[in-house]
């Protein structure tokens, strides 16, 4: 009889909002260099990043800041929407 395989823990996902981002590639590369990150997907239009892996939010924010931007970790979907709306309003005021 075969031995049961240990369960593989699922990776955690973290969502970041990134202020003033003008280069998604730069942010994505910075996030992917963080130890424990297996994948990073950055959306320039939404000024956001979805990061898979075991890195802490603090490590991710530091990597984004080293790339020249400001990041905020988001804890839940409603918080994400609220922060994105505030960021969009702030950006619109800059262009007005």
N, C-alpha and C. Protein backbone atom coordinates (compact mmCIF):
# COMPACT_ATOMS: atom_id res chain seq x y z
N UNK A 1 0.85 -1.17 0.00
CA UNK A 1 0.00 0.00 0.00
C UNK A 1 0.90 1.25 0.00
N UNK A 2 0.54 2.24 -0.81
CA UNK A 2 1.35 3.45 -0.94
C UNK A 2 1.17 4.34 0.28
N UNK A 3 2.28 4.98 0.65
CA UNK A 3 2.25 5.93 1.77
C UNK A 3 1.48 7.18 1.35
N UNK A 4 0.65 7.74 2.22
CA UNK A 4 -0.03 8.99 1.87
C UNK A 4 0.98 10.13 1.75
N UNK A 5 0.79 10.93 0.74
CA UNK A 5 1.66 12.08 0.51
C UNK A 5 1.25 13.22 1.45
N UNK A 6 2.23 13.94 2.00
CA UNK A 6 1.88 15.08 2.84
C UNK A 6 1.18 16.15 2.00
N UNK A 7 0.24 16.81 2.60
CA UNK A 7 -0.48 17.88 1.91
C UNK A 7 0.48 19.04 1.67
N UNK A 8 0.40 19.60 0.49
CA UNK A 8 1.22 20.75 0.16
C UNK A 8 0.42 21.99 0.54
N UNK A 9 1.02 22.81 1.34
CA UNK A 9 0.34 24.03 1.78
C UNK A 9 0.18 24.97 0.58
N UNK A 10 -1.01 25.51 0.41
CA UNK A 10 -1.20 26.45 -0.70
C UNK A 10 -0.41 27.74 -0.45
N UNK A 11 0.04 28.34 -1.54
CA UNK A 11 0.75 29.61 -1.41
C UNK A 11 -0.24 30.69 -1.00
N UNK A 12 0.27 31.65 -0.31
CA UNK A 12 -0.60 32.76 0.04
C UNK A 12 -0.52 33.81 -1.07
N UNK A 13 -1.59 34.57 -1.19
CA UNK A 13 -1.64 35.65 -2.17
C UNK A 13 -1.77 36.96 -1.43
N UNK A 14 -1.03 37.94 -1.87
CA UNK A 14 -1.11 39.27 -1.27
C UNK A 14 -1.37 40.28 -2.37
N UNK A 15 -2.19 41.26 -2.03
CA UNK A 15 -2.57 42.29 -2.98
C UNK A 15 -2.00 43.61 -2.51
N UNK A 16 -1.38 44.34 -3.42
CA UNK A 16 -0.81 45.65 -3.11
C UNK A 16 -1.40 46.70 -4.04
N UNK A 17 -1.61 47.89 -3.51
CA UNK A 17 -1.92 49.05 -4.33
C UNK A 17 -0.65 49.89 -4.41
N UNK A 18 -0.33 50.37 -5.59
CA UNK A 18 0.94 51.06 -5.82
C UNK A 18 0.65 52.46 -6.34
N UNK A 19 1.08 53.46 -5.58
CA UNK A 19 0.83 54.86 -5.94
C UNK A 19 1.85 55.36 -6.95
N UNK A 20 1.37 56.08 -7.97
CA UNK A 20 2.25 56.76 -8.91
C UNK A 20 3.03 55.87 -9.85
N UNK A 21 2.62 54.64 -10.01
CA UNK A 21 3.38 53.70 -10.82
C UNK A 21 3.32 54.10 -12.30
N UNK A 22 4.48 54.11 -12.94
CA UNK A 22 4.54 54.41 -14.36
C UNK A 22 5.20 53.29 -15.15
N UNK A 23 5.75 52.28 -14.45
CA UNK A 23 6.42 51.16 -15.13
C UNK A 23 6.11 49.86 -14.40
N UNK A 24 5.16 49.10 -14.94
CA UNK A 24 4.76 47.85 -14.31
C UNK A 24 5.90 46.83 -14.32
N UNK A 25 6.68 46.81 -15.37
CA UNK A 25 7.77 45.85 -15.49
C UNK A 25 8.79 46.04 -14.37
N UNK A 26 9.11 47.28 -14.06
CA UNK A 26 10.09 47.56 -13.00
C UNK A 26 9.59 47.03 -11.65
N UNK A 27 8.31 47.24 -11.38
CA UNK A 27 7.73 46.79 -10.11
C UNK A 27 7.67 45.26 -10.07
N UNK A 28 7.24 44.66 -11.17
CA UNK A 28 7.14 43.20 -11.23
C UNK A 28 8.50 42.55 -11.00
N UNK A 29 9.52 43.06 -11.64
CA UNK A 29 10.87 42.51 -11.47
C UNK A 29 11.35 42.67 -10.02
N UNK A 30 11.07 43.83 -9.42
CA UNK A 30 11.48 44.06 -8.03
C UNK A 30 10.78 43.08 -7.10
N UNK A 31 9.49 42.85 -7.32
CA UNK A 31 8.74 41.92 -6.46
C UNK A 31 9.22 40.49 -6.64
N UNK A 32 9.52 40.10 -7.87
CA UNK A 32 9.95 38.72 -8.13
C UNK A 32 11.33 38.42 -7.55
N UNK A 33 12.11 39.44 -7.21
CA UNK A 33 13.42 39.24 -6.59
C UNK A 33 13.33 39.02 -5.08
N UNK A 34 12.17 39.29 -4.50
CA UNK A 34 12.00 39.13 -3.05
C UNK A 34 12.01 37.64 -2.71
N UNK A 35 12.84 37.22 -1.74
CA UNK A 35 12.85 35.81 -1.35
C UNK A 35 11.46 35.36 -0.90
N UNK A 36 11.02 34.22 -1.41
CA UNK A 36 9.71 33.69 -1.04
C UNK A 36 8.62 34.01 -2.05
N UNK A 37 8.90 34.87 -3.01
CA UNK A 37 7.90 35.20 -4.03
C UNK A 37 8.04 34.21 -5.18
N UNK A 38 6.94 33.56 -5.52
CA UNK A 38 6.97 32.62 -6.64
C UNK A 38 6.44 33.26 -7.92
N UNK A 39 5.58 34.29 -7.77
CA UNK A 39 5.02 34.93 -8.94
C UNK A 39 4.48 36.31 -8.55
N UNK A 40 4.65 37.26 -9.44
CA UNK A 40 4.09 38.60 -9.23
C UNK A 40 3.45 39.05 -10.54
N UNK A 41 2.24 39.58 -10.43
CA UNK A 41 1.53 40.12 -11.57
C UNK A 41 1.14 41.55 -11.25
N UNK A 42 1.57 42.47 -12.09
CA UNK A 42 1.34 43.89 -11.85
C UNK A 42 0.40 44.43 -12.92
N UNK A 43 -0.57 45.23 -12.49
CA UNK A 43 -1.53 45.84 -13.40
C UNK A 43 -1.32 47.35 -13.37
N UNK A 44 -0.77 47.89 -14.43
CA UNK A 44 -0.47 49.32 -14.49
C UNK A 44 -1.75 50.15 -14.44
N UNK A 45 -2.79 49.72 -15.17
CA UNK A 45 -4.04 50.47 -15.21
C UNK A 45 -4.72 50.59 -13.86
N UNK A 46 -4.64 49.54 -13.06
CA UNK A 46 -5.25 49.55 -11.73
C UNK A 46 -4.27 49.95 -10.64
N UNK A 47 -3.01 50.17 -11.00
CA UNK A 47 -1.95 50.48 -10.03
C UNK A 47 -1.95 49.47 -8.89
N UNK A 48 -1.90 48.20 -9.27
CA UNK A 48 -1.98 47.13 -8.28
C UNK A 48 -1.04 45.99 -8.63
N UNK A 49 -0.81 45.15 -7.63
CA UNK A 49 0.01 43.95 -7.83
C UNK A 49 -0.59 42.80 -7.03
N UNK A 50 -0.59 41.62 -7.63
CA UNK A 50 -0.98 40.39 -6.96
C UNK A 50 0.28 39.55 -6.86
N UNK A 51 0.65 39.19 -5.63
CA UNK A 51 1.91 38.49 -5.41
C UNK A 51 1.63 37.15 -4.74
N UNK A 52 2.18 36.08 -5.32
CA UNK A 52 2.03 34.74 -4.78
C UNK A 52 3.33 34.33 -4.11
N UNK A 53 3.20 33.64 -2.99
CA UNK A 53 4.38 33.15 -2.30
C UNK A 53 4.27 33.35 -0.81
N UNK A 54 5.41 33.30 -0.17
CA UNK A 54 5.45 33.35 1.30
C UNK A 54 6.13 34.60 1.85
N UNK A 55 6.43 35.57 1.02
CA UNK A 55 7.07 36.81 1.48
C UNK A 55 6.08 37.62 2.30
N UNK A 56 6.59 38.39 3.24
CA UNK A 56 5.72 39.22 4.08
C UNK A 56 5.32 40.48 3.32
N UNK A 57 4.23 41.09 3.75
CA UNK A 57 3.79 42.34 3.16
C UNK A 57 4.86 43.41 3.31
N UNK A 58 5.55 43.41 4.44
CA UNK A 58 6.60 44.39 4.68
C UNK A 58 7.73 44.24 3.66
N UNK A 59 8.12 43.00 3.35
CA UNK A 59 9.16 42.77 2.35
C UNK A 59 8.72 43.27 0.97
N UNK A 60 7.46 43.04 0.65
CA UNK A 60 6.95 43.45 -0.65
C UNK A 60 6.90 44.97 -0.77
N UNK A 61 6.44 45.63 0.27
CA UNK A 61 6.38 47.09 0.27
C UNK A 61 7.79 47.67 0.12
N UNK A 62 8.76 47.11 0.82
CA UNK A 62 10.14 47.58 0.71
C UNK A 62 10.67 47.43 -0.72
N UNK A 63 10.33 46.33 -1.37
CA UNK A 63 10.79 46.10 -2.75
C UNK A 63 10.18 47.13 -3.69
N UNK A 64 8.90 47.43 -3.51
CA UNK A 64 8.24 48.44 -4.36
C UNK A 64 8.86 49.81 -4.10
N UNK A 65 9.11 50.13 -2.84
CA UNK A 65 9.73 51.42 -2.51
C UNK A 65 11.14 51.53 -3.10
N UNK A 66 11.88 50.42 -3.11
CA UNK A 66 13.22 50.43 -3.71
C UNK A 66 13.13 50.66 -5.21
N UNK A 67 12.00 50.28 -5.81
CA UNK A 67 11.79 50.50 -7.25
C UNK A 67 11.32 51.92 -7.53
N UNK A 68 11.08 52.70 -6.47
CA UNK A 68 10.73 54.11 -6.65
C UNK A 68 9.27 54.47 -6.47
N UNK A 69 8.49 53.57 -5.92
CA UNK A 69 7.05 53.82 -5.75
C UNK A 69 6.63 53.56 -4.31
N UNK A 70 5.39 53.93 -4.00
CA UNK A 70 4.83 53.68 -2.67
C UNK A 70 3.78 52.59 -2.80
N UNK A 71 3.79 51.62 -1.88
CA UNK A 71 2.82 50.53 -1.92
C UNK A 71 2.09 50.40 -0.59
N UNK A 72 0.85 49.92 -0.68
CA UNK A 72 0.03 49.64 0.49
C UNK A 72 -0.51 48.23 0.38
N UNK A 73 -0.29 47.39 1.37
CA UNK A 73 -0.91 46.06 1.34
C UNK A 73 -2.41 46.20 1.59
N UNK A 74 -3.19 45.33 0.97
CA UNK A 74 -4.64 45.36 1.12
C UNK A 74 -5.09 44.05 1.77
N UNK A 75 -5.89 44.17 2.80
CA UNK A 75 -6.30 43.00 3.58
C UNK A 75 -7.55 42.30 3.05
N UNK A 76 -8.51 43.06 2.48
CA UNK A 76 -9.72 42.41 1.99
C UNK A 76 -10.24 43.13 0.75
N UNK A 77 -11.20 42.54 0.08
CA UNK A 77 -11.71 43.04 -1.19
C UNK A 77 -12.33 44.43 -1.06
N UNK A 78 -13.10 44.66 -0.04
CA UNK A 78 -13.73 45.98 0.13
C UNK A 78 -12.66 47.06 0.35
N UNK A 79 -11.67 46.74 1.15
CA UNK A 79 -10.57 47.69 1.38
C UNK A 79 -9.86 47.98 0.06
N UNK A 80 -9.66 46.95 -0.76
CA UNK A 80 -9.00 47.13 -2.06
C UNK A 80 -9.79 48.09 -2.92
N UNK A 81 -11.10 47.88 -3.02
CA UNK A 81 -11.93 48.75 -3.84
C UNK A 81 -11.90 50.20 -3.34
N UNK A 82 -12.03 50.36 -2.02
CA UNK A 82 -12.01 51.71 -1.44
C UNK A 82 -10.70 52.43 -1.74
N UNK A 83 -9.58 51.73 -1.55
CA UNK A 83 -8.28 52.35 -1.79
C UNK A 83 -8.07 52.66 -3.27
N UNK A 84 -8.56 51.80 -4.15
CA UNK A 84 -8.42 52.06 -5.58
C UNK A 84 -9.24 53.29 -5.97
N UNK A 85 -10.43 53.42 -5.41
CA UNK A 85 -11.25 54.59 -5.73
C UNK A 85 -10.59 55.88 -5.24
N UNK A 86 -10.04 55.85 -4.02
CA UNK A 86 -9.36 57.04 -3.50
C UNK A 86 -8.16 57.39 -4.37
N UNK A 87 -7.41 56.36 -4.78
CA UNK A 87 -6.24 56.59 -5.62
C UNK A 87 -6.65 57.16 -6.98
N UNK A 88 -7.74 56.67 -7.55
CA UNK A 88 -8.21 57.17 -8.84
C UNK A 88 -8.65 58.63 -8.72
N UNK A 89 -9.37 58.97 -7.65
CA UNK A 89 -9.79 60.36 -7.45
C UNK A 89 -8.58 61.29 -7.30
N UNK A 90 -7.59 60.82 -6.56
CA UNK A 90 -6.37 61.60 -6.34
C UNK A 90 -5.65 61.84 -7.68
N UNK A 91 -5.58 60.81 -8.50
CA UNK A 91 -4.93 60.93 -9.81
C UNK A 91 -5.70 61.89 -10.71
N UNK A 92 -7.02 61.84 -10.66
CA UNK A 92 -7.83 62.74 -11.49
C UNK A 92 -7.64 64.19 -11.07
N UNK A 93 -7.48 64.44 -9.77
CA UNK A 93 -7.25 65.81 -9.31
C UNK A 93 -5.92 66.34 -9.82
N UNK A 94 -4.92 65.46 -9.93
CA UNK A 94 -3.61 65.89 -10.44
C UNK A 94 -3.71 66.34 -11.89
N UNK A 95 -4.59 65.69 -12.66
CA UNK A 95 -4.70 66.01 -14.08
C UNK A 95 -5.73 67.09 -14.36
N UNK A 96 -6.44 67.54 -13.35
CA UNK A 96 -7.48 68.58 -13.54
C UNK A 96 -6.87 69.94 -13.61
